[in-house]
PDB file of N, CA and C in Angstrom:
ATOM      1  N   MET A   1      62.291 125.275  76.588  1.00  0.00           N
ATOM      2  CA  MET A   1      63.574 125.128  76.670  1.00  0.00           C
ATOM      3  C   MET A   1      63.873 123.558  76.931  1.00  0.00           C
ATOM      4  N   TYR A   2      64.724 122.840  75.542  1.00  0.00           N
ATOM      5  CA  TYR A   2      64.987 121.721  76.052  1.00  0.00           C
ATOM      6  C   TYR A   2      66.230 121.574  76.539  1.00  0.00           C
ATOM      7  N   SER A   3      66.208 120.401  77.742  1.00  0.00           N
ATOM      8  CA  SER A   3      67.357 120.320  78.038  1.00  0.00           C
ATOM      9  C   SER A   3      67.744 118.876  77.940  1.00  0.00           C
ATOM     10  N   SER A   4      68.951 118.795  77.188  1.00  0.00           N
ATOM     11  CA  SER A   4      69.981 117.635  76.833  1.00  0.00           C
ATOM     12  C   SER A   4      70.184 116.972  77.609  1.00  0.00           C
ATOM     13  N   PRO A   5      70.095 115.320  77.874  1.00  0.00           N
ATOM     14  CA  PRO A   5      70.420 114.577  79.121  1.00  0.00           C
ATOM     15  C   PRO A   5      72.075 114.733  78.888  1.00  0.00           C
ATOM     16  N   SER A   6      72.272 114.327  80.592  1.00  0.00           N
ATOM     17  CA  SER A   6      73.800 114.719  80.916  1.00  0.00           C
ATOM     18  C   SER A   6      74.242 112.915  81.160  1.00  0.00           C
ATOM     19  N   THR A   7      75.399 112.988  81.174  1.00  0.00           N
ATOM     20  CA  THR A   7      76.654 111.639  82.000  1.00  0.00           C
ATOM     21  C   THR A   7      77.056 112.033  82.788  1.00  0.00           C
ATOM     22  N   VAL A   8      76.851 111.454  83.145  1.00  0.00           N
ATOM     23  CA  VAL A   8      77.231 112.048  84.701  1.00  0.00           C
ATOM     24  C   VAL A   8      78.393 110.003  85.266  1.00  0.00           C
ATOM     25  N   LYS A   9      79.695 110.222  85.311  1.00  0.00           N
ATOM     26  CA  LYS A   9      80.614 109.111  84.784  1.00  0.00           C
ATOM     27  C   LYS A   9      80.870 108.693  86.132  1.00  0.00           C
ATOM     28  N   ASP A  10      81.391 107.786  86.966  1.00  0.00           N
ATOM     29  CA  ASP A  10      81.882 107.367  88.084  1.00  0.00           C
ATOM     30  C   ASP A  10      83.434 107.440  88.275  1.00  0.00           C
ATOM     31  N   PRO A  11      83.454 108.632  88.770  1.00  0.00           N
ATOM     32  CA  PRO A  11      84.765 108.835  89.507  1.00  0.00           C
ATOM     33  C   PRO A  11      85.387 107.718  89.788  1.00  0.00           C
ATOM     34  N   LYS A  12      84.923 106.704  89.913  1.00  0.00           N
ATOM     35  CA  LYS A  12      86.442 105.617  90.383  1.00  0.00           C
ATOM     36  C   LYS A  12      86.456 104.682  89.033  1.00  0.00           C
ATOM     37  N   LYS A  13      85.780 104.518  88.298  1.00  0.00           N
ATOM     38  CA  LYS A  13      85.956 104.466  86.633  1.00  0.00           C
ATOM     39  C   LYS A  13      86.553 105.454  85.348  1.00  0.00           C
ATOM     40  N   ALA A  14      86.549 106.393  86.003  1.00  0.00           N
ATOM     41  CA  ALA A  14      86.965 107.395  85.149  1.00  0.00           C
ATOM     42  C   ALA A  14      88.465 107.480  85.741  1.00  0.00           C
ATOM     43  N   LYS A  15      88.836 107.447  87.130  1.00  0.00           N
ATOM     44  CA  LYS A  15      90.607 107.474  87.127  1.00  0.00           C
ATOM     45  C   LYS A  15      90.977 106.414  87.462  1.00  0.00           C
ATOM     46  N   ALA A  16      90.399 105.183  86.796  1.00  0.00           N
ATOM     47  CA  ALA A  16      90.685 103.799  86.485  1.00  0.00           C
ATOM     48  C   ALA A  16      92.209 104.159  85.328  1.00  0.00           C
ATOM     49  N   LYS A  17      92.978 103.737  86.008  1.00  0.00           N
ATOM     50  CA  LYS A  17      94.340 103.907  84.794  1.00  0.00           C
ATOM     51  C   LYS A  17      94.932 102.295  84.711  1.00  0.00           C
ATOM     52  N   TYR A  18      95.698 102.491  83.210  1.00  0.00           N
ATOM     53  CA  TYR A  18      96.087 101.382  83.252  1.00  0.00           C
ATOM     54  C   TYR A  18      96.913 100.582  83.318  1.00  0.00           C
ATOM     55  N   PRO A  19      96.810  98.845  83.229  1.00  0.00           N
ATOM     56  CA  PRO A  19      97.986  98.553  84.202  1.00  0.00           C
ATOM     57  C   PRO A  19      99.436  98.673  83.748  1.00  0.00           C
ATOM     58  N   GLU A  20      99.890  98.985  84.985  1.00  0.00           N
ATOM     59  CA  GLU A  20     101.653  98.645  84.922  1.00  0.00           C
ATOM     60  C   GLU A  20     102.339  97.622  85.604  1.00  0.00           C
ATOM     61  N   GLY A  21     102.968  97.597  85.449  1.00  0.00           N
ATOM     62  CA  GLY A  21     104.115  96.581  85.910  1.00  0.00           C
ATOM     63  C   GLY A  21     105.326  97.547  86.481  1.00  0.00           C
ATOM     64  N   ARG A  22     106.238  96.389  87.383  1.00  0.00           N
ATOM     65  CA  ARG A  22     107.678  97.202  88.135  1.00  0.00           C
ATOM     66  C   ARG A  22     108.766  95.839  87.180  1.00  0.00           C
ATOM     67  N   VAL A  23     109.846  96.201  86.410  1.00  0.00           N
ATOM     68  CA  VAL A  23     110.834  95.492  85.970  1.00  0.00           C
ATOM     69  C   VAL A  23     111.827  95.845  87.441  1.00  0.00           C
ATOM     70  N   ILE A  24     112.146  94.190  87.918  1.00  0.00           N
ATOM     71  CA  ILE A  24     113.237  94.184  89.093  1.00  0.00           C
ATOM     72  C   ILE A  24     114.058  92.483  88.555  1.00  0.00           C
ATOM     73  N   VAL A  25     115.589  93.905  88.723  1.00  0.00           N
ATOM     74  CA  VAL A  25     116.406  92.907  88.569  1.00  0.00           C
ATOM     75  C   VAL A  25     117.061  92.222  90.285  1.00  0.00           C
ATOM     76  N   LEU A  26     118.100  90.619  89.909  1.00  0.00           N
ATOM     77  CA  LEU A  26     117.952  90.441  91.147  1.00  0.00           C
ATOM     78  C   LEU A  26     119.381  90.492  91.360  1.00  0.00           C
ATOM     79  N   ASP A  27     120.163  90.282  92.065  1.00  0.00           N
ATOM     80  CA  ASP A  27     121.758  89.569  92.350  1.00  0.00           C
ATOM     81  C   ASP A  27     122.170  88.483  92.215  1.00  0.00           C
ATOM     82  N   ASP A  28     122.642  87.980  91.162  1.00  0.00           N
ATOM     83  CA  ASP A  28     123.323  86.707  91.167  1.00  0.00           C
ATOM     84  C   ASP A  28     124.815  86.290  91.038  1.00  0.00           C
ATOM     85  N   ASN A  29     125.115  85.379  90.948  1.00  0.00           N
ATOM     86  CA  ASN A  29     126.549  84.697  91.255  1.00  0.00           C
ATOM     87  C   ASN A  29     127.590  85.042  89.450  1.00  0.00           C
ATOM     88  N   PHE A  30     126.251  84.845  88.526  1.00  0.00           N
ATOM     89  CA  PHE A  30     127.117  84.379  87.284  1.00  0.00           C
ATOM     90  C   PHE A  30     127.990  85.674  86.117  1.00  0.00           C
ATOM     91  N   ASN A  31     126.341  86.966  86.169  1.00  0.00           N
ATOM     92  CA  ASN A  31     126.457  88.719  85.160  1.00  0.00           C
ATOM     93  C   ASN A  31     127.569  89.493  86.340  1.00  0.00           C
ATOM     94  N   THR A  32     128.344  90.020  85.409  1.00  0.00           N
ATOM     95  CA  THR A  32     129.474  90.867  85.620  1.00  0.00           C
ATOM     96  C   THR A  32     129.011  92.436  86.284  1.00  0.00           C
ATOM     97  N   PHE A  33     129.317  92.925  86.674  1.00  0.00           N
ATOM     98  CA  PHE A  33     128.351  94.310  86.373  1.00  0.00           C
ATOM     99  C   PHE A  33     128.578  95.246  85.240  1.00  0.00           C
ATOM    100  N   GLN A  34     129.828  95.225  84.414  1.00  0.00           N
ATOM    101  CA  GLN A  34     129.857  95.909  83.071  1.00  0.00           C
ATOM    102  C   GLN A  34     128.771  94.859  82.743  1.00  0.00           C
ATOM    103  N   HIS A  35     128.641  93.992  82.485  1.00  0.00           N
ATOM    104  CA  HIS A  35     127.224  93.474  81.533  1.00  0.00           C
ATOM    105  C   HIS A  35     125.842  94.306  82.200  1.00  0.00           C
ATOM    106  N   VAL A  36     125.649  93.871  83.398  1.00  0.00           N
ATOM    107  CA  VAL A  36     124.070  94.406  84.418  1.00  0.00           C
ATOM    108  C   VAL A  36     124.417  95.824  83.678  1.00  0.00           C
ATOM    109  N   ALA A  37     125.030  96.578  83.810  1.00  0.00           N
ATOM    110  CA  ALA A  37     125.074  98.144  83.276  1.00  0.00           C
ATOM    111  C   ALA A  37     125.072  97.961  82.052  1.00  0.00           C
ATOM    112  N   ASN A  38     125.783  97.626  81.298  1.00  0.00           N
ATOM    113  CA  ASN A  38     125.438  97.675  79.460  1.00  0.00           C
ATOM    114  C   ASN A  38     123.812  96.786  79.092  1.00  0.00           C
ATOM    115  N   CYS A  39     123.575  95.894  79.741  1.00  0.00           N
ATOM    116  CA  CYS A  39     121.991  95.496  79.343  1.00  0.00           C
ATOM    117  C   CYS A  39     121.357  96.709  79.467  1.00  0.00           C
ATOM    118  N   LEU A  40     121.423  97.224  80.935  1.00  0.00           N
ATOM    119  CA  LEU A  40     120.478  97.768  81.730  1.00  0.00           C
ATOM    120  C   LEU A  40     120.625  99.545  80.749  1.00  0.00           C
ATOM    121  N   TRP A  41     121.272 100.133  80.735  1.00  0.00           N
ATOM    122  CA  TRP A  41     121.854 101.136  79.732  1.00  0.00           C
ATOM    123  C   TRP A  41     121.513 100.466  78.430  1.00  0.00           C
ATOM    124  N   THR A  42     121.131  99.791  77.568  1.00  0.00           N
ATOM    125  CA  THR A  42     121.479  99.662  76.318  1.00  0.00           C
ATOM    126  C   THR A  42     119.572  99.844  76.017  1.00  0.00           C
ATOM    127  N   ILE A  43     119.024  98.551  76.756  1.00  0.00           N
ATOM    128  CA  ILE A  43     117.996  98.242  77.022  1.00  0.00           C
ATOM    129  C   ILE A  43     116.239  98.986  76.845  1.00  0.00           C
ATOM    130  N   ILE A  44     116.891  99.603  78.429  1.00  0.00           N
ATOM    131  CA  ILE A  44     116.460 100.282  79.063  1.00  0.00           C
ATOM    132  C   ILE A  44     116.183 102.247  78.339  1.00  0.00           C
ATOM    133  N   PRO A  45     114.677 102.301  78.319  1.00  0.00           N
ATOM    134  CA  PRO A  45     114.740 103.715  77.326  1.00  0.00           C
ATOM    135  C   PRO A  45     115.074 105.257  78.264  1.00  0.00           C
ATOM    136  N   ALA A  46     115.797 106.254  78.257  1.00  0.00           N
ATOM    137  CA  ALA A  46     116.309 107.033  78.860  1.00  0.00           C
ATOM    138  C   ALA A  46     116.843 106.663  80.173  1.00  0.00           C
ATOM    139  N   MET A  47     118.084 105.528  79.952  1.00  0.00           N
ATOM    140  CA  MET A  47     118.367 105.360  81.051  1.00  0.00           C
ATOM    141  C   MET A  47     120.059 105.755  80.701  1.00  0.00           C
ATOM    142  N   CYS A  48     121.148 106.562  81.406  1.00  0.00           N
ATOM    143  CA  CYS A  48     121.661 107.278  81.221  1.00  0.00           C
ATOM    144  C   CYS A  48     123.269 105.773  81.865  1.00  0.00           C
ATOM    145  N   GLU A  49     124.193 105.897  81.220  1.00  0.00           N
ATOM    146  CA  GLU A  49     125.012 104.848  82.304  1.00  0.00           C
ATOM    147  C   GLU A  49     124.964 105.615  83.460  1.00  0.00           C
ATOM    148  N   LYS A  50     125.453 106.163  84.012  1.00  0.00           N
ATOM    149  CA  LYS A  50     125.421 106.838  85.387  1.00  0.00           C
ATOM    150  C   LYS A  50     124.316 105.937  86.288  1.00  0.00           C
ATOM    151  N   ARG A  51     123.222 106.025  85.577  1.00  0.00           N
ATOM    152  CA  ARG A  51     122.157 105.291  86.823  1.00  0.00           C
ATOM    153  C   ARG A  51     121.937 103.956  86.928  1.00  0.00           C
ATOM    154  N   ALA A  52     122.415 103.194  85.582  1.00  0.00           N
ATOM    155  CA  ALA A  52     122.490 102.020  85.142  1.00  0.00           C
ATOM    156  C   ALA A  52     123.731 101.584  86.286  1.00  0.00           C
ATOM    157  N   TRP A  53     124.841 102.116  86.063  1.00  0.00           N
ATOM    158  CA  TRP A  53     125.559 101.588  87.357  1.00  0.00           C
ATOM    159  C   TRP A  53     125.561 101.624  88.340  1.00  0.00           C
ATOM    160  N   ASP A  54     124.676 103.114  88.874  1.00  0.00           N
ATOM    161  CA  ASP A  54     124.017 103.025  90.429  1.00  0.00           C
ATOM    162  C   ASP A  54     123.116 101.721  90.639  1.00  0.00           C
ATOM    163  N   LEU A  55     121.654 101.340  89.576  1.00  0.00           N
ATOM    164  CA  LEU A  55     121.438  99.977  89.799  1.00  0.00           C
ATOM    165  C   LEU A  55     121.931  99.483  89.662  1.00  0.00           C
ATOM    166  N   THR A  56     123.127  99.108  88.819  1.00  0.00           N
ATOM    167  CA  THR A  56     123.454  97.892  88.933  1.00  0.00           C
ATOM    168  C   THR A  56     123.983  97.191  90.822  1.00  0.00           C
ATOM    169  N   ILE A  57     124.997  98.588  90.976  1.00  0.00           N
ATOM    170  CA  ILE A  57     125.483  98.209  92.494  1.00  0.00           C
ATOM    171  C   ILE A  57     124.642  98.392  93.821  1.00  0.00           C
ATOM    172  N   LYS A  58     122.694  98.784  93.498  1.00  0.00           N
ATOM    173  CA  LYS A  58     122.365  98.586  94.235  1.00  0.00           C
ATOM    174  C   LYS A  58     121.922  97.268  94.480  1.00  0.00           C
ATOM    175  N   VAL A  59     122.175  96.721  92.994  1.00  0.00           N
ATOM    176  CA  VAL A  59     121.297  94.806  92.735  1.00  0.00           C
ATOM    177  C   VAL A  59     122.371  94.340  93.684  1.00  0.00           C
ATOM    178  N   ASP A  60     124.242  94.711  93.662  1.00  0.00           N
ATOM    179  CA  ASP A  60     124.445  94.013  94.352  1.00  0.00           C
ATOM    180  C   ASP A  60     124.303  93.840  96.013  1.00  0.00           C
ATOM    181  N   LYS A  61     124.163  95.175  96.254  1.00  0.00           N
ATOM    182  CA  LYS A  61     124.204  95.673  97.662  1.00  0.00           C
ATOM    183  C   LYS A  61     122.742  95.302  98.606  1.00  0.00           C
ATOM    184  N   VAL A  62     122.473  95.296  97.702  1.00  0.00           N
ATOM    185  CA  VAL A  62     121.106  94.850  98.752  1.00  0.00           C
ATOM    186  C   VAL A  62     120.181  93.384  97.875  1.00  0.00           C
ATOM    187  N   GLY A  63     120.331  92.704  96.773  1.00  0.00           N
ATOM    188  CA  GLY A  63     119.827  91.945  96.328  1.00  0.00           C
ATOM    189  C   GLY A  63     119.200  92.030  95.207  1.00  0.00           C
ATOM    190  N   SER A  64     118.796  93.480  95.277  1.00  0.00           N
ATOM    191  CA  SER A  64     117.631  93.881  93.700  1.00  0.00           C
ATOM    192  C   SER A  64     116.993  94.812  93.653  1.00  0.00           C
ATOM    193  N   ALA A  65     116.825  95.322  92.476  1.00  0.00           N
ATOM    194  CA  ALA A  65     116.707  96.879  91.988  1.00  0.00           C
ATOM    195  C   ALA A  65     115.326  97.049  91.290  1.00  0.00           C
ATOM    196  N   GLU A  66     114.332  98.201  91.386  1.00  0.00           N
ATOM    197  CA  GLU A  66     113.974  98.155  90.456  1.00  0.00           C
ATOM    198  C   GLU A  66     114.276  98.820  88.997  1.00  0.00           C
ATOM    199  N   VAL A  67     114.705  98.202  88.221  1.00  0.00           N
ATOM    200  CA  VAL A  67     115.100  99.305  87.161  1.00  0.00           C
ATOM    201  C   VAL A  67     113.375 100.330  85.742  1.00  0.00           C
ATOM    202  N   TRP A  68     112.943  99.471  86.127  1.00  0.00           N
ATOM    203  CA  TRP A  68     112.286 100.308  85.341  1.00  0.00           C
ATOM    204  C   TRP A  68     110.630 100.035  86.116  1.00  0.00           C
ATOM    205  N   ARG A  69     109.688 100.936  85.384  1.00  0.00           N
ATOM    206  CA  ARG A  69     108.244 101.113  85.817  1.00  0.00           C
ATOM    207  C   ARG A  69     107.222 101.909  85.025  1.00  0.00           C
ATOM    208  N   GLY A  70     106.404 101.521  84.976  1.00  0.00           N
ATOM    209  CA  GLY A  70     105.228 101.353  83.819  1.00  0.00           C
ATOM    210  C   GLY A  70     104.097 100.783  82.492  1.00  0.00           C
ATOM    211  N   ASN A  71     103.957 101.560  81.787  1.00  0.00           N
ATOM    212  CA  ASN A  71     102.990 100.949  80.924  1.00  0.00           C
ATOM    213  C   ASN A  71     102.985  98.863  81.544  1.00  0.00           C
ATOM    214  N   LEU A  72     102.253  98.763  81.211  1.00  0.00           N
ATOM    215  CA  LEU A  72     102.445  96.740  81.519  1.00  0.00           C
ATOM    216  C   LEU A  72     103.292  96.352  80.031  1.00  0.00           C
ATOM    217  N   GLU A  73     103.000  96.325  79.150  1.00  0.00           N
ATOM    218  CA  GLU A  73     102.963  95.507  78.248  1.00  0.00           C
ATOM    219  C   GLU A  73     104.380  96.514  78.191  1.00  0.00           C
ATOM    220  N   GLN A  74     105.378  97.252  78.195  1.00  0.00           N
ATOM    221  CA  GLN A  74     106.369  98.085  77.894  1.00  0.00           C
ATOM    222  C   GLN A  74     107.190  97.523  78.900  1.00  0.00           C
ATOM    223  N   ALA A  75     107.244  97.102  79.865  1.00  0.00           N
ATOM    224  CA  ALA A  75     107.683  96.437  81.083  1.00  0.00           C
ATOM    225  C   ALA A  75     107.589  94.509  81.233  1.00  0.00           C
ATOM    226  N   GLU A  76     106.947  94.515  80.401  1.00  0.00           N
ATOM    227  CA  GLU A  76     106.687  92.918  79.798  1.00  0.00           C
ATOM    228  C   GLU A  76     107.923  92.809  78.526  1.00  0.00           C
ATOM    229  N   LEU A  77     108.284  93.968  77.580  1.00  0.00           N
ATOM    230  CA  LEU A  77     109.268  93.740  76.965  1.00  0.00           C
ATOM    231  C   LEU A  77     110.171  94.002  77.450  1.00  0.00           C
ATOM    232  N   TYR A  78     110.363  95.074  78.166  1.00  0.00           N
ATOM    233  CA  TYR A  78     112.170  95.037  78.423  1.00  0.00           C
ATOM    234  C   TYR A  78     112.585  93.949  79.875  1.00  0.00           C
ATOM    235  N   HIS A  79     111.624  93.328  80.038  1.00  0.00           N
ATOM    236  CA  HIS A  79     112.002  92.423  81.661  1.00  0.00           C
ATOM    237  C   HIS A  79     112.556  91.164  80.290  1.00  0.00           C
ATOM    238  N   GLU A  80     111.359  90.445  79.152  1.00  0.00           N
ATOM    239  CA  GLU A  80     111.679  89.909  77.941  1.00  0.00           C
ATOM    240  C   GLU A  80     113.136  90.013  77.564  1.00  0.00           C
ATOM    241  N   GLN A  81     113.313  91.362  77.426  1.00  0.00           N
ATOM    242  CA  GLN A  81     114.833  92.014  76.792  1.00  0.00           C
ATOM    243  C   GLN A  81     116.323  91.279  78.038  1.00  0.00           C
ATOM    244  N   LEU A  82     116.040  91.643  78.833  1.00  0.00           N
ATOM    245  CA  LEU A  82     116.686  91.450  79.818  1.00  0.00           C
ATOM    246  C   LEU A  82     117.612  90.349  80.331  1.00  0.00           C
ATOM    247  N   VAL A  83     116.450  88.922  80.106  1.00  0.00           N
ATOM    248  CA  VAL A  83     116.050  87.722  80.162  1.00  0.00           C
ATOM    249  C   VAL A  83     116.825  87.211  79.243  1.00  0.00           C
ATOM    250  N   SER A  84     116.702  87.969  78.303  1.00  0.00           N
ATOM    251  CA  SER A  84     117.173  87.547  77.131  1.00  0.00           C
ATOM    252  C   SER A  84     118.880  87.323  76.940  1.00  0.00           C
ATOM    253  N   ARG A  85     119.466  88.353  78.025  1.00  0.00           N
ATOM    254  CA  ARG A  85     120.590  88.908  77.438  1.00  0.00           C
ATOM    255  C   ARG A  85     120.913  88.117  78.966  1.00  0.00           C
ATOM    256  N   GLY A  86     120.959  86.843  79.508  1.00  0.00           N
ATOM    257  CA  GLY A  86     121.077  86.592  80.578  1.00  0.00           C
ATOM    258  C   GLY A  86     120.210  87.158  82.091  1.00  0.00           C
ATOM    259  N   LEU A  87     120.191  88.140  82.148  1.00  0.00           N
ATOM    260  CA  LEU A  87     120.112  88.796  83.350  1.00  0.00           C
ATOM    261  C   LEU A  87     119.298  88.364  84.305  1.00  0.00           C
ATOM    262  N   THR A  88     119.268  87.987  85.781  1.00  0.00           N
ATOM    263  CA  THR A  88     118.089  87.062  87.076  1.00  0.00           C
ATOM    264  C   THR A  88     117.536  88.323  86.351  1.00  0.00           C
ATOM    265  N   ILE A  89     116.200  87.741  86.683  1.00  0.00           N
ATOM    266  CA  ILE A  89     114.587  89.477  87.161  1.00  0.00           C
ATOM    267  C   ILE A  89     113.417  88.873  87.787  1.00  0.00           C
ATOM    268  N   ALA A  90     112.788  89.859  88.531  1.00  0.00           N
ATOM    269  CA  ALA A  90     112.103  89.103  89.047  1.00  0.00           C
ATOM    270  C   ALA A  90     110.743  88.953  88.393  1.00  0.00           C
ATOM    271  N   PRO A  91     110.154  88.057  88.501  1.00  0.00           N
ATOM    272  CA  PRO A  91     108.663  88.312  87.798  1.00  0.00           C
ATOM    273  C   PRO A  91     107.890  89.213  87.782  1.00  0.00           C
ATOM    274  N   ILE A  92     107.079  89.767  86.796  1.00  0.00           N
ATOM    275  CA  ILE A  92     106.906  91.343  87.194  1.00  0.00           C
ATOM    276  C   ILE A  92     106.187  91.304  87.499  1.00  0.00           C
ATOM    277  N   GLU A  93     105.970  92.876  88.413  1.00  0.00           N
ATOM    278  CA  GLU A  93     105.201  93.040  89.379  1.00  0.00           C
ATOM    279  C   GLU A  93     104.497  93.951  89.025  1.00  0.00           C
ATOM    280  N   LYS A  94     102.637  93.736  89.038  1.00  0.00           N
ATOM    281  CA  LYS A  94     101.779  94.858  88.650  1.00  0.00           C
ATOM    282  C   LYS A  94     101.310  95.252  89.277  1.00  0.00           C
ATOM    283  N   THR A  95     100.903  96.753  89.177  1.00  0.00           N
ATOM    284  CA  THR A  95     100.721  97.843  90.013  1.00  0.00           C
ATOM    285  C   THR A  95      99.637  98.828  89.736  1.00  0.00           C
TER     286      THR A  95
END
């Protein structure tokens, strides 16, 4: 009987996921609520207007809010786009 060699994967390596990033907007004294909400709504995919406003209010009350989490490359893109619109953004947090 012929037996084929089997490959056993290291479970730790098999479950390794792609790097993720968190995009966090910080409170500042120069961006208006309307501008922050509009930027979130137009730049972050699947962001509805209500969620954009809720996050904008959180930024004002708490000082920061995570507005997106996911693939690191996408996080870098959204981070760059928000910065280019004048928002104050924390450095990307890698998870």
